[in-house]
N, C-alpha and C. Protein backbone atom coordinates (compact mmCIF):
# COMPACT_ATOMS: atom_id res chain seq x y z
N MET A 1 0.85 -1.17 0.00
CA MET A 1 0.00 0.00 0.00
C MET A 1 0.89 1.24 0.00
N MET A 2 0.53 2.21 -0.77
CA MET A 2 1.32 3.43 -0.86
C MET A 2 0.81 4.44 0.16
N ASN A 3 0.07 5.44 -0.28
CA ASN A 3 -0.52 6.39 0.66
C ASN A 3 -1.99 6.02 0.85
N CYS A 4 -2.77 6.90 1.40
CA CYS A 4 -4.15 6.55 1.78
C CYS A 4 -4.98 6.00 0.61
N ASN A 5 -4.82 6.56 -0.57
CA ASN A 5 -5.61 6.09 -1.71
C ASN A 5 -4.74 5.65 -2.88
N ASP A 6 -3.48 5.32 -2.62
CA ASP A 6 -2.55 4.84 -3.64
C ASP A 6 -2.45 5.79 -4.84
N ALA A 7 -2.52 7.08 -4.59
CA ALA A 7 -2.46 8.07 -5.66
C ALA A 7 -1.33 9.06 -5.41
N ILE A 8 -0.73 9.52 -6.48
CA ILE A 8 0.29 10.57 -6.38
C ILE A 8 -0.37 11.88 -6.78
N LYS A 9 -0.43 12.80 -5.85
CA LYS A 9 -1.01 14.11 -6.10
C LYS A 9 0.12 15.11 -6.30
N PRO A 10 -0.17 16.31 -6.77
CA PRO A 10 0.89 17.30 -6.99
C PRO A 10 1.73 17.59 -5.74
N GLN A 11 1.15 17.50 -4.56
CA GLN A 11 1.89 17.82 -3.34
C GLN A 11 2.59 16.60 -2.73
N THR A 12 2.37 15.40 -3.27
CA THR A 12 2.97 14.18 -2.74
C THR A 12 4.48 14.20 -2.94
N LYS A 13 5.22 13.90 -1.89
CA LYS A 13 6.67 13.76 -1.99
C LYS A 13 6.97 12.36 -2.48
N VAL A 14 7.72 12.26 -3.57
CA VAL A 14 8.02 10.97 -4.17
C VAL A 14 9.52 10.71 -4.04
N TYR A 15 9.83 9.52 -3.52
CA TYR A 15 11.22 9.10 -3.36
C TYR A 15 11.44 7.86 -4.22
N GLY A 16 12.62 7.76 -4.80
CA GLY A 16 12.95 6.60 -5.60
C GLY A 16 13.96 5.72 -4.88
N PHE A 17 13.73 4.44 -4.90
CA PHE A 17 14.67 3.46 -4.35
C PHE A 17 15.31 2.76 -5.53
N LEU A 18 16.57 3.09 -5.80
CA LEU A 18 17.30 2.55 -6.94
C LEU A 18 18.11 1.33 -6.50
N SER A 19 17.88 0.23 -7.19
CA SER A 19 18.61 -1.00 -6.91
C SER A 19 18.41 -1.95 -8.07
N GLU A 20 19.34 -2.86 -8.23
CA GLU A 20 19.19 -3.84 -9.30
C GLU A 20 17.98 -4.75 -9.05
N TYR A 21 17.68 -4.97 -7.78
CA TYR A 21 16.55 -5.84 -7.42
C TYR A 21 15.55 -5.09 -6.53
N ALA A 22 15.25 -3.86 -6.88
CA ALA A 22 14.37 -3.03 -6.05
C ALA A 22 12.97 -3.61 -5.91
N GLN A 23 12.42 -4.17 -6.99
CA GLN A 23 11.06 -4.71 -6.93
C GLN A 23 10.95 -5.87 -5.94
N GLN A 24 12.01 -6.65 -5.80
CA GLN A 24 11.97 -7.81 -4.91
C GLN A 24 12.32 -7.44 -3.47
N ASN A 25 12.80 -6.24 -3.25
CA ASN A 25 13.23 -5.80 -1.93
C ASN A 25 12.04 -5.24 -1.16
N ARG A 26 11.97 -5.48 0.13
CA ARG A 26 10.85 -5.02 0.96
C ARG A 26 11.05 -3.60 1.51
N PHE A 27 12.18 -2.96 1.19
CA PHE A 27 12.48 -1.63 1.74
C PHE A 27 11.41 -0.60 1.38
N SER A 28 11.00 -0.54 0.12
CA SER A 28 10.00 0.46 -0.27
C SER A 28 8.65 0.17 0.38
N VAL A 29 8.31 -1.10 0.56
CA VAL A 29 7.05 -1.46 1.24
C VAL A 29 7.10 -0.98 2.68
N MET A 30 8.24 -1.21 3.34
CA MET A 30 8.41 -0.79 4.73
C MET A 30 8.32 0.74 4.85
N MET A 31 8.98 1.45 3.95
CA MET A 31 8.95 2.92 3.99
C MET A 31 7.55 3.45 3.71
N ASN A 32 6.85 2.89 2.74
CA ASN A 32 5.48 3.35 2.44
C ASN A 32 4.55 3.09 3.61
N ARG A 33 4.74 1.99 4.31
CA ARG A 33 3.93 1.71 5.49
C ARG A 33 4.22 2.74 6.58
N MET A 34 5.51 3.10 6.74
CA MET A 34 5.88 4.10 7.74
C MET A 34 5.28 5.46 7.37
N PHE A 35 5.37 5.85 6.08
CA PHE A 35 4.76 7.10 5.64
C PHE A 35 3.27 7.12 5.98
N GLN A 36 2.60 6.02 5.72
CA GLN A 36 1.16 5.95 5.99
C GLN A 36 0.88 6.05 7.49
N ASN A 37 1.67 5.36 8.30
CA ASN A 37 1.45 5.36 9.75
C ASN A 37 1.62 6.74 10.38
N ILE A 38 2.54 7.54 9.84
CA ILE A 38 2.75 8.88 10.40
C ILE A 38 1.90 9.93 9.70
N GLY A 39 1.11 9.52 8.72
CA GLY A 39 0.21 10.44 8.03
C GLY A 39 0.90 11.33 7.01
N ALA A 40 2.07 10.91 6.53
CA ALA A 40 2.80 11.71 5.55
C ALA A 40 2.26 11.45 4.14
N ASP A 41 2.14 12.51 3.36
CA ASP A 41 1.74 12.37 1.95
C ASP A 41 3.02 12.16 1.15
N ALA A 42 3.54 10.94 1.24
CA ALA A 42 4.80 10.60 0.58
C ALA A 42 4.72 9.16 0.08
N MET A 43 5.57 8.85 -0.89
CA MET A 43 5.56 7.54 -1.51
C MET A 43 6.96 7.19 -1.98
N MET A 44 7.38 5.96 -1.76
CA MET A 44 8.67 5.49 -2.27
C MET A 44 8.39 4.52 -3.41
N ILE A 45 9.03 4.78 -4.54
CA ILE A 45 8.83 3.98 -5.74
C ILE A 45 10.10 3.15 -5.97
N PRO A 46 9.98 1.80 -6.02
CA PRO A 46 11.16 0.99 -6.32
C PRO A 46 11.46 1.03 -7.82
N MET A 47 12.72 1.24 -8.17
CA MET A 47 13.11 1.32 -9.58
C MET A 47 14.29 0.38 -9.80
N ASN A 48 14.08 -0.64 -10.62
CA ASN A 48 15.15 -1.59 -10.94
C ASN A 48 16.15 -0.93 -11.87
N ILE A 49 17.36 -0.75 -11.40
CA ILE A 49 18.44 -0.15 -12.18
C ILE A 49 19.66 -1.06 -12.05
N ARG A 50 20.19 -1.54 -13.17
CA ARG A 50 21.40 -2.36 -13.13
C ARG A 50 22.58 -1.52 -12.68
N ALA A 51 23.54 -2.16 -12.07
CA ALA A 51 24.73 -1.45 -11.56
C ALA A 51 25.45 -0.68 -12.66
N ASP A 52 25.55 -1.24 -13.86
CA ASP A 52 26.26 -0.54 -14.94
C ASP A 52 25.47 0.63 -15.51
N ASP A 53 24.18 0.75 -15.22
CA ASP A 53 23.35 1.87 -15.67
C ASP A 53 23.10 2.90 -14.56
N PHE A 54 23.59 2.65 -13.36
CA PHE A 54 23.27 3.49 -12.22
C PHE A 54 23.64 4.96 -12.45
N PHE A 55 24.88 5.26 -12.81
CA PHE A 55 25.31 6.65 -12.97
C PHE A 55 24.67 7.30 -14.19
N PHE A 56 24.37 6.52 -15.22
CA PHE A 56 23.67 7.06 -16.39
C PHE A 56 22.26 7.49 -15.98
N THR A 57 21.62 6.71 -15.13
CA THR A 57 20.25 7.01 -14.70
C THR A 57 20.20 8.26 -13.83
N ILE A 58 21.17 8.41 -12.93
CA ILE A 58 21.20 9.56 -12.04
C ILE A 58 21.52 10.78 -12.87
């Protein structure tokens, strides 16, 4: 679950979690749950990025 209604609004703070295996990692799920518990309008998006593409992506 992301934020209250799983939507990104103009004021939503969006964070990216870059990793080769980001989709399989539970870090973004844990962070989104924490954002929801504290009532923050924020969302962490997991993005699969290979190590050799990391600096090109940034």
